[in-house]
N, C-alpha and C. Protein backbone atom coordinates (compact mmCIF):
# COMPACT_ATOMS: atom_id res chain seq x y z
N UNK A 1 0.83 -1.19 0.00
CA UNK A 1 0.00 0.00 0.00
C UNK A 1 0.87 1.24 0.00
N UNK A 2 0.41 2.22 -0.72
CA UNK A 2 1.10 3.51 -0.75
C UNK A 2 0.08 4.63 -0.54
N UNK A 3 0.51 5.76 0.03
CA UNK A 3 -0.40 6.87 0.25
C UNK A 3 -0.81 7.51 -1.07
N UNK A 4 -2.03 8.01 -1.12
CA UNK A 4 -2.53 8.70 -2.29
C UNK A 4 -2.15 10.17 -2.18
N UNK A 5 -1.24 10.65 -3.06
CA UNK A 5 -0.80 12.04 -2.94
C UNK A 5 -1.88 13.05 -3.34
N UNK A 6 -2.90 12.61 -4.08
CA UNK A 6 -3.93 13.53 -4.55
C UNK A 6 -5.18 13.55 -3.68
N UNK A 7 -5.34 12.57 -2.82
CA UNK A 7 -6.55 12.50 -1.98
C UNK A 7 -6.46 13.50 -0.84
N UNK A 8 -7.54 14.22 -0.58
CA UNK A 8 -7.52 15.15 0.56
C UNK A 8 -7.52 14.37 1.87
N UNK A 9 -6.81 14.88 2.83
CA UNK A 9 -6.77 14.25 4.15
C UNK A 9 -8.02 14.64 4.91
N UNK A 10 -8.56 13.71 5.67
CA UNK A 10 -9.69 14.00 6.55
C UNK A 10 -9.14 14.36 7.91
N UNK A 11 -9.44 15.57 8.36
CA UNK A 11 -8.92 16.08 9.61
C UNK A 11 -10.08 16.22 10.59
N UNK A 12 -9.87 15.83 11.84
CA UNK A 12 -10.95 15.89 12.82
C UNK A 12 -10.38 16.04 14.21
N UNK A 13 -11.23 16.41 15.14
CA UNK A 13 -10.81 16.53 16.52
C UNK A 13 -11.99 16.55 17.45
N UNK A 14 -11.72 16.24 18.71
CA UNK A 14 -12.75 16.35 19.73
C UNK A 14 -12.12 16.73 21.06
N UNK A 15 -12.97 17.26 21.93
CA UNK A 15 -12.51 17.74 23.22
C UNK A 15 -13.52 17.32 24.27
N UNK A 16 -13.01 16.83 25.39
CA UNK A 16 -13.87 16.37 26.48
C UNK A 16 -13.44 17.04 27.77
N UNK A 17 -14.38 17.30 28.66
CA UNK A 17 -14.00 17.89 29.94
C UNK A 17 -13.28 16.88 30.82
N UNK A 18 -12.37 17.37 31.63
CA UNK A 18 -11.64 16.53 32.58
C UNK A 18 -11.75 17.16 33.95
N UNK A 19 -11.61 16.36 34.98
CA UNK A 19 -11.56 16.90 36.34
C UNK A 19 -12.83 17.56 36.81
N UNK A 20 -13.99 17.05 36.41
CA UNK A 20 -15.24 17.57 36.94
C UNK A 20 -15.78 18.80 36.25
N UNK A 21 -15.28 19.13 35.05
CA UNK A 21 -15.88 20.24 34.32
C UNK A 21 -17.35 19.95 34.08
N UNK A 22 -18.19 20.97 34.12
CA UNK A 22 -19.61 20.76 33.88
C UNK A 22 -20.01 21.15 32.46
N UNK A 23 -19.05 21.46 31.64
CA UNK A 23 -19.34 21.80 30.25
C UNK A 23 -18.66 20.79 29.33
N UNK A 24 -19.14 20.71 28.11
CA UNK A 24 -18.56 19.76 27.17
C UNK A 24 -18.54 20.39 25.79
N UNK A 25 -17.55 20.04 25.02
CA UNK A 25 -17.47 20.45 23.62
C UNK A 25 -17.61 19.21 22.78
N UNK A 26 -18.39 19.29 21.72
CA UNK A 26 -18.66 18.11 20.90
C UNK A 26 -17.59 17.88 19.86
N UNK A 27 -17.64 16.69 19.22
CA UNK A 27 -16.66 16.38 18.18
C UNK A 27 -16.90 17.23 16.94
N UNK A 28 -15.85 17.46 16.20
CA UNK A 28 -15.96 18.16 14.94
C UNK A 28 -15.22 17.36 13.88
N UNK A 29 -15.78 17.29 12.69
CA UNK A 29 -15.10 16.69 11.55
C UNK A 29 -15.02 17.78 10.49
N UNK A 30 -13.85 17.95 9.93
CA UNK A 30 -13.62 19.05 9.00
C UNK A 30 -12.98 18.55 7.72
N UNK A 31 -13.19 19.25 6.65
CA UNK A 31 -12.49 18.96 5.40
C UNK A 31 -11.25 19.83 5.26
N UNK A 32 -11.13 20.83 6.10
CA UNK A 32 -9.94 21.67 6.06
C UNK A 32 -8.86 21.03 6.92
N UNK A 33 -7.76 21.70 7.07
CA UNK A 33 -6.64 21.15 7.82
C UNK A 33 -6.52 21.78 9.20
N UNK A 34 -7.61 22.33 9.72
CA UNK A 34 -7.52 22.95 11.04
C UNK A 34 -8.88 22.93 11.72
N UNK A 35 -8.86 23.27 13.00
CA UNK A 35 -10.10 23.30 13.75
C UNK A 35 -9.94 24.11 15.02
N UNK A 36 -11.04 24.28 15.74
CA UNK A 36 -11.05 25.04 16.98
C UNK A 36 -11.89 24.28 18.00
N UNK A 37 -11.39 24.19 19.22
CA UNK A 37 -12.18 23.71 20.34
C UNK A 37 -12.58 24.94 21.14
N UNK A 38 -13.88 25.17 21.28
CA UNK A 38 -14.38 26.32 22.03
C UNK A 38 -14.66 25.88 23.47
N UNK A 39 -13.61 25.71 24.23
CA UNK A 39 -13.73 25.27 25.62
C UNK A 39 -13.68 26.47 26.54
N UNK A 40 -14.06 26.27 27.77
CA UNK A 40 -14.02 27.34 28.77
C UNK A 40 -12.99 27.03 29.83
N UNK A 41 -13.18 27.61 30.99
CA UNK A 41 -12.29 27.36 32.12
C UNK A 41 -12.32 25.90 32.52
N UNK A 42 -11.20 25.46 33.09
CA UNK A 42 -11.14 24.09 33.58
C UNK A 42 -10.08 23.29 32.85
N UNK A 43 -10.20 21.98 32.96
CA UNK A 43 -9.23 21.08 32.34
C UNK A 43 -9.90 20.31 31.21
N UNK A 44 -9.15 20.11 30.13
CA UNK A 44 -9.70 19.52 28.92
C UNK A 44 -8.78 18.44 28.37
N UNK A 45 -9.41 17.41 27.82
CA UNK A 45 -8.70 16.33 27.12
C UNK A 45 -9.05 16.48 25.65
N UNK A 46 -8.05 16.73 24.83
CA UNK A 46 -8.31 16.92 23.40
C UNK A 46 -7.59 15.86 22.58
N UNK A 47 -8.21 15.50 21.49
CA UNK A 47 -7.62 14.59 20.51
C UNK A 47 -7.81 15.23 19.15
N UNK A 48 -6.73 15.33 18.40
CA UNK A 48 -6.77 15.84 17.04
C UNK A 48 -6.19 14.77 16.13
N UNK A 49 -6.73 14.63 14.94
CA UNK A 49 -6.24 13.57 14.08
C UNK A 49 -6.36 13.90 12.61
N UNK A 50 -5.65 13.09 11.83
CA UNK A 50 -5.70 13.22 10.39
C UNK A 50 -5.64 11.81 9.79
N UNK A 51 -6.53 11.55 8.84
CA UNK A 51 -6.62 10.24 8.18
C UNK A 51 -5.93 10.32 6.84
N UNK A 52 -5.03 9.37 6.58
CA UNK A 52 -4.31 9.31 5.31
C UNK A 52 -4.85 8.15 4.49
N UNK A 53 -5.45 8.43 3.32
CA UNK A 53 -5.95 7.35 2.46
C UNK A 53 -4.85 6.77 1.57
N UNK A 54 -5.04 5.53 1.18
CA UNK A 54 -4.12 4.87 0.25
C UNK A 54 -4.58 5.13 -1.18
N UNK A 55 -3.76 4.72 -2.14
CA UNK A 55 -4.13 4.88 -3.56
C UNK A 55 -5.35 4.04 -3.91
N UNK A 56 -5.64 3.00 -3.13
CA UNK A 56 -6.81 2.16 -3.37
C UNK A 56 -8.06 2.67 -2.64
N UNK A 57 -7.93 3.76 -1.89
CA UNK A 57 -9.05 4.36 -1.20
C UNK A 57 -9.27 3.86 0.22
N UNK A 58 -8.43 2.96 0.70
CA UNK A 58 -8.53 2.47 2.06
C UNK A 58 -7.81 3.41 3.01
N UNK A 59 -8.08 3.27 4.30
CA UNK A 59 -7.35 4.04 5.30
C UNK A 59 -5.97 3.44 5.49
N UNK A 60 -4.95 4.22 5.22
CA UNK A 60 -3.58 3.77 5.46
C UNK A 60 -3.26 3.90 6.95
N UNK A 61 -3.63 5.04 7.53
CA UNK A 61 -3.49 5.24 8.97
C UNK A 61 -4.28 6.46 9.39
N UNK A 62 -4.55 6.54 10.67
CA UNK A 62 -5.09 7.73 11.30
C UNK A 62 -4.07 8.14 12.36
N UNK A 63 -3.46 9.29 12.15
CA UNK A 63 -2.46 9.81 13.09
C UNK A 63 -3.19 10.71 14.09
N UNK A 64 -3.05 10.38 15.37
CA UNK A 64 -3.75 11.11 16.43
C UNK A 64 -2.76 11.75 17.38
N UNK A 65 -3.13 12.90 17.90
CA UNK A 65 -2.35 13.57 18.94
C UNK A 65 -3.27 13.91 20.10
N UNK A 66 -2.80 13.65 21.30
CA UNK A 66 -3.57 13.99 22.50
C UNK A 66 -2.83 15.08 23.26
N UNK A 67 -3.58 16.10 23.63
CA UNK A 67 -3.05 17.18 24.46
C UNK A 67 -4.08 17.47 25.54
N UNK A 68 -3.68 17.34 26.79
CA UNK A 68 -4.53 17.70 27.92
C UNK A 68 -4.03 19.03 28.46
N UNK A 69 -4.96 19.89 28.84
CA UNK A 69 -4.54 21.19 29.37
C UNK A 69 -5.59 21.73 30.34
N UNK A 70 -5.14 22.69 31.15
CA UNK A 70 -6.01 23.39 32.10
C UNK A 70 -5.82 24.89 31.93
N UNK A 71 -6.92 25.62 32.04
CA UNK A 71 -6.90 27.08 31.94
C UNK A 71 -7.79 27.66 33.03
N UNK A 72 -7.50 28.90 33.42
CA UNK A 72 -8.31 29.53 34.47
C UNK A 72 -9.14 30.71 33.96
N UNK A 73 -9.23 30.87 32.67
CA UNK A 73 -9.99 31.97 32.09
C UNK A 73 -9.11 33.06 31.50
N UNK A 74 -7.89 33.16 31.99
CA UNK A 74 -6.96 34.15 31.43
C UNK A 74 -5.56 33.58 31.22
N UNK A 75 -5.22 32.48 31.94
CA UNK A 75 -3.89 31.90 31.82
C UNK A 75 -3.98 30.41 31.52
N UNK A 76 -2.97 29.90 30.84
CA UNK A 76 -2.80 28.46 30.66
C UNK A 76 -2.05 27.98 31.90
N UNK A 77 -2.70 27.17 32.73
CA UNK A 77 -2.08 26.76 33.99
C UNK A 77 -1.37 25.42 33.89
N UNK A 78 -1.71 24.59 32.88
CA UNK A 78 -1.07 23.29 32.75
C UNK A 78 -1.23 22.77 31.33
N UNK A 79 -0.16 22.18 30.81
CA UNK A 79 -0.21 21.45 29.54
C UNK A 79 0.50 20.13 29.80
N UNK A 80 -0.21 19.04 29.65
CA UNK A 80 0.35 17.73 29.97
C UNK A 80 -0.25 16.68 29.03
N UNK A 81 0.19 15.46 29.18
CA UNK A 81 -0.28 14.35 28.33
C UNK A 81 -0.18 14.71 26.84
N UNK A 82 1.00 15.12 26.42
CA UNK A 82 1.25 15.43 25.00
C UNK A 82 1.88 14.20 24.37
N UNK A 83 1.11 13.50 23.51
CA UNK A 83 1.67 12.34 22.83
C UNK A 83 0.89 12.02 21.57
N UNK A 84 1.44 11.12 20.76
CA UNK A 84 0.77 10.71 19.53
C UNK A 84 0.55 9.20 19.53
N UNK A 85 -0.35 8.77 18.66
CA UNK A 85 -0.63 7.34 18.50
C UNK A 85 -1.32 7.12 17.16
N UNK A 86 -1.39 5.89 16.72
CA UNK A 86 -2.07 5.52 15.48
C UNK A 86 -3.37 4.81 15.78
N UNK A 87 -4.37 5.09 14.96
CA UNK A 87 -5.61 4.33 14.99
C UNK A 87 -5.76 3.64 13.64
N UNK A 88 -6.22 2.42 13.64
CA UNK A 88 -6.49 1.66 12.41
C UNK A 88 -5.35 1.67 11.40
N UNK A 89 -4.10 1.43 11.83
CA UNK A 89 -3.02 1.43 10.85
C UNK A 89 -3.06 0.17 9.98
N UNK A 90 -2.71 0.32 8.72
CA UNK A 90 -2.54 -0.82 7.84
C UNK A 90 -1.33 -1.61 8.32
N UNK A 91 -1.18 -2.85 7.88
CA UNK A 91 -0.08 -3.70 8.35
C UNK A 91 1.29 -3.19 7.91
N UNK A 92 1.34 -2.28 6.94
CA UNK A 92 2.64 -1.77 6.48
C UNK A 92 3.08 -0.52 7.24
N UNK A 93 2.25 -0.02 8.15
CA UNK A 93 2.50 1.26 8.82
C UNK A 93 3.12 1.05 10.20
N UNK A 94 4.24 1.76 10.44
CA UNK A 94 4.93 1.69 11.73
C UNK A 94 5.21 3.11 12.23
N UNK A 95 4.77 3.39 13.44
CA UNK A 95 5.06 4.67 14.08
C UNK A 95 6.44 4.56 14.70
N UNK A 96 7.38 5.36 14.20
CA UNK A 96 8.78 5.25 14.62
C UNK A 96 9.19 6.25 15.68
N UNK A 97 8.32 7.15 16.04
CA UNK A 97 8.67 8.12 17.08
C UNK A 97 8.37 9.54 16.64
N UNK A 98 9.09 10.47 17.23
CA UNK A 98 8.88 11.89 16.97
C UNK A 98 10.02 12.45 16.13
N UNK A 99 9.70 13.43 15.30
CA UNK A 99 10.74 14.17 14.61
C UNK A 99 11.05 15.42 15.44
N UNK A 100 12.29 15.76 15.53
CA UNK A 100 12.67 16.95 16.28
C UNK A 100 12.55 16.79 17.78
N UNK A 101 12.63 15.58 18.27
CA UNK A 101 12.53 15.36 19.72
C UNK A 101 11.11 15.05 20.15
N UNK A 102 10.87 15.09 21.44
CA UNK A 102 9.56 14.77 22.00
C UNK A 102 8.59 15.93 21.77
N UNK A 103 7.30 15.69 21.96
CA UNK A 103 6.34 16.80 21.85
C UNK A 103 6.73 17.94 22.78
N UNK A 104 6.49 19.14 22.34
CA UNK A 104 6.91 20.28 23.14
C UNK A 104 5.82 21.35 23.21
N UNK A 105 5.89 22.15 24.25
CA UNK A 105 5.00 23.29 24.38
C UNK A 105 5.82 24.49 24.81
N UNK A 106 5.25 25.67 24.63
CA UNK A 106 6.00 26.89 24.92
C UNK A 106 5.89 27.31 26.38
N UNK A 107 5.23 26.48 27.20
CA UNK A 107 5.20 26.78 28.63
C UNK A 107 3.81 27.13 29.13
N UNK A 108 3.73 27.30 30.44
CA UNK A 108 2.47 27.65 31.07
C UNK A 108 2.64 28.90 31.91
N UNK A 109 1.53 29.43 32.38
CA UNK A 109 1.55 30.64 33.20
C UNK A 109 1.23 31.89 32.43
N UNK A 110 1.28 31.82 31.11
CA UNK A 110 0.96 32.97 30.28
C UNK A 110 -0.41 32.84 29.66
N UNK A 111 -0.74 33.76 28.77
CA UNK A 111 -2.06 33.77 28.14
C UNK A 111 -2.18 32.78 26.99
N UNK A 112 -1.03 32.16 26.61
CA UNK A 112 -1.03 31.27 25.46
C UNK A 112 0.09 30.25 25.58
N UNK A 113 -0.14 29.05 25.02
CA UNK A 113 0.90 28.03 24.93
C UNK A 113 0.80 27.37 23.56
N UNK A 114 1.93 27.24 22.88
CA UNK A 114 1.99 26.59 21.58
C UNK A 114 2.49 25.16 21.77
N UNK A 115 1.79 24.20 21.17
CA UNK A 115 2.14 22.79 21.30
C UNK A 115 2.45 22.23 19.93
N UNK A 116 3.53 21.45 19.82
CA UNK A 116 3.92 20.81 18.56
C UNK A 116 4.13 19.32 18.78
N UNK A 117 3.42 18.51 18.01
CA UNK A 117 3.60 17.06 18.05
C UNK A 117 3.83 16.62 16.60
N UNK A 118 5.06 16.25 16.30
CA UNK A 118 5.45 15.89 14.94
C UNK A 118 5.97 14.46 14.94
N UNK A 119 5.34 13.61 14.14
CA UNK A 119 5.67 12.20 14.15
C UNK A 119 6.49 11.74 12.95
N UNK A 120 6.98 10.51 13.06
CA UNK A 120 7.70 9.86 11.97
C UNK A 120 7.07 8.49 11.77
N UNK A 121 6.55 8.26 10.57
CA UNK A 121 5.92 6.99 10.21
C UNK A 121 6.70 6.39 9.05
N UNK A 122 6.92 5.08 9.11
CA UNK A 122 7.53 4.37 7.99
C UNK A 122 6.55 3.36 7.44
N UNK A 123 6.59 3.19 6.12
CA UNK A 123 5.82 2.15 5.44
C UNK A 123 6.80 1.05 5.09
N UNK A 124 6.51 -0.16 5.55
CA UNK A 124 7.46 -1.26 5.42
C UNK A 124 6.75 -2.53 4.94
N UNK A 125 7.37 -3.22 3.99
CA UNK A 125 6.83 -4.49 3.52
C UNK A 125 6.96 -5.55 4.61
N UNK A 126 8.06 -5.56 5.28
CA UNK A 126 8.26 -6.33 6.50
C UNK A 126 8.80 -5.30 7.48
N UNK A 127 8.90 -5.64 8.72
CA UNK A 127 9.25 -4.64 9.73
C UNK A 127 10.53 -3.86 9.41
N UNK A 128 11.45 -4.46 8.65
CA UNK A 128 12.73 -3.78 8.39
C UNK A 128 12.94 -3.39 6.93
N UNK A 129 12.09 -3.85 6.01
CA UNK A 129 12.22 -3.50 4.59
C UNK A 129 11.29 -2.33 4.28
N UNK A 130 11.72 -1.13 4.64
CA UNK A 130 10.87 0.05 4.53
C UNK A 130 11.09 0.76 3.20
N UNK A 131 9.99 1.29 2.67
CA UNK A 131 10.05 1.93 1.35
C UNK A 131 9.59 3.37 1.35
N UNK A 132 9.09 3.89 2.47
CA UNK A 132 8.68 5.30 2.50
C UNK A 132 8.65 5.80 3.94
N UNK A 133 8.94 7.09 4.09
CA UNK A 133 8.82 7.77 5.39
C UNK A 133 7.83 8.91 5.24
N UNK A 134 6.98 9.07 6.24
CA UNK A 134 5.99 10.14 6.26
C UNK A 134 6.13 10.89 7.58
N UNK A 135 5.78 12.17 7.57
CA UNK A 135 5.99 13.01 8.74
C UNK A 135 4.72 13.80 9.08
N UNK A 136 3.74 13.13 9.69
CA UNK A 136 2.52 13.85 10.07
C UNK A 136 2.79 14.81 11.24
N UNK A 137 1.97 15.87 11.29
CA UNK A 137 2.15 16.88 12.33
C UNK A 137 0.80 17.33 12.87
N UNK A 138 0.79 17.62 14.15
CA UNK A 138 -0.34 18.31 14.77
C UNK A 138 0.26 19.46 15.58
N UNK A 139 -0.21 20.66 15.30
CA UNK A 139 0.21 21.86 16.03
C UNK A 139 -1.03 22.47 16.67
N UNK A 140 -0.86 22.98 17.89
CA UNK A 140 -1.99 23.50 18.64
C UNK A 140 -1.59 24.77 19.38
N UNK A 141 -2.51 25.71 19.43
CA UNK A 141 -2.33 26.93 20.23
C UNK A 141 -3.45 26.95 21.26
N UNK A 142 -3.08 26.95 22.53
CA UNK A 142 -4.04 26.95 23.64
C UNK A 142 -4.04 28.35 24.25
N UNK A 143 -5.22 28.92 24.43
CA UNK A 143 -5.35 30.24 25.02
C UNK A 143 -5.90 30.12 26.44
N UNK A 144 -5.59 31.06 27.29
CA UNK A 144 -6.03 31.06 28.68
C UNK A 144 -7.53 31.05 28.84
N UNK A 145 -8.25 31.48 27.81
CA UNK A 145 -9.72 31.47 27.85
C UNK A 145 -10.29 30.07 27.70
N UNK A 146 -9.45 29.13 27.21
CA UNK A 146 -9.90 27.77 26.96
C UNK A 146 -9.99 27.44 25.49
N UNK A 147 -10.01 28.44 24.66
CA UNK A 147 -10.04 28.22 23.22
C UNK A 147 -8.75 27.53 22.78
N UNK A 148 -8.87 26.54 21.91
CA UNK A 148 -7.71 25.83 21.40
C UNK A 148 -7.82 25.71 19.88
N UNK A 149 -6.88 26.28 19.18
CA UNK A 149 -6.82 26.19 17.72
C UNK A 149 -5.79 25.15 17.34
N UNK A 150 -6.06 24.34 16.33
CA UNK A 150 -5.12 23.29 15.95
C UNK A 150 -5.15 23.08 14.44
N UNK A 151 -4.05 22.52 13.96
CA UNK A 151 -3.94 22.13 12.56
C UNK A 151 -3.22 20.81 12.48
N UNK A 152 -3.55 20.03 11.46
CA UNK A 152 -2.96 18.71 11.28
C UNK A 152 -2.58 18.53 9.82
N UNK A 153 -1.46 17.88 9.59
CA UNK A 153 -0.95 17.63 8.24
C UNK A 153 -0.45 16.19 8.19
N UNK A 154 -0.74 15.48 7.09
CA UNK A 154 -0.21 14.12 6.94
C UNK A 154 1.15 14.17 6.31
């Protein structure tokens, strides 16, 4: 299987309250490469993803990023649980780690935090006979108000 270079990627995300929040944000599915979670004060568990189709129209992989964060209405008080994972990968798809080091954020205590989760995927006929490398990315900007803007690229 090989990725379809002409097929548009399906990008989606959802956000759930954590730690007893009494509000919830619903899932969104988008045809664009970005989205927004309109969350409020409190702690949130977010998942952003991008689906890569194969040339035959099947799902090659779904690259997901999870970012949990807390805000108090004006400041980002915590950014944690920053990691990536695959959903429904084809047998040729292997998640090899992160490009540029581990997921990173620009810090907490301010009105904004930028989060970057950049992965490295290899397509392999057998675990060691690899024929392609792909570099999916999820970038997120978290604001102290709770709003979170994100973009994903396969």
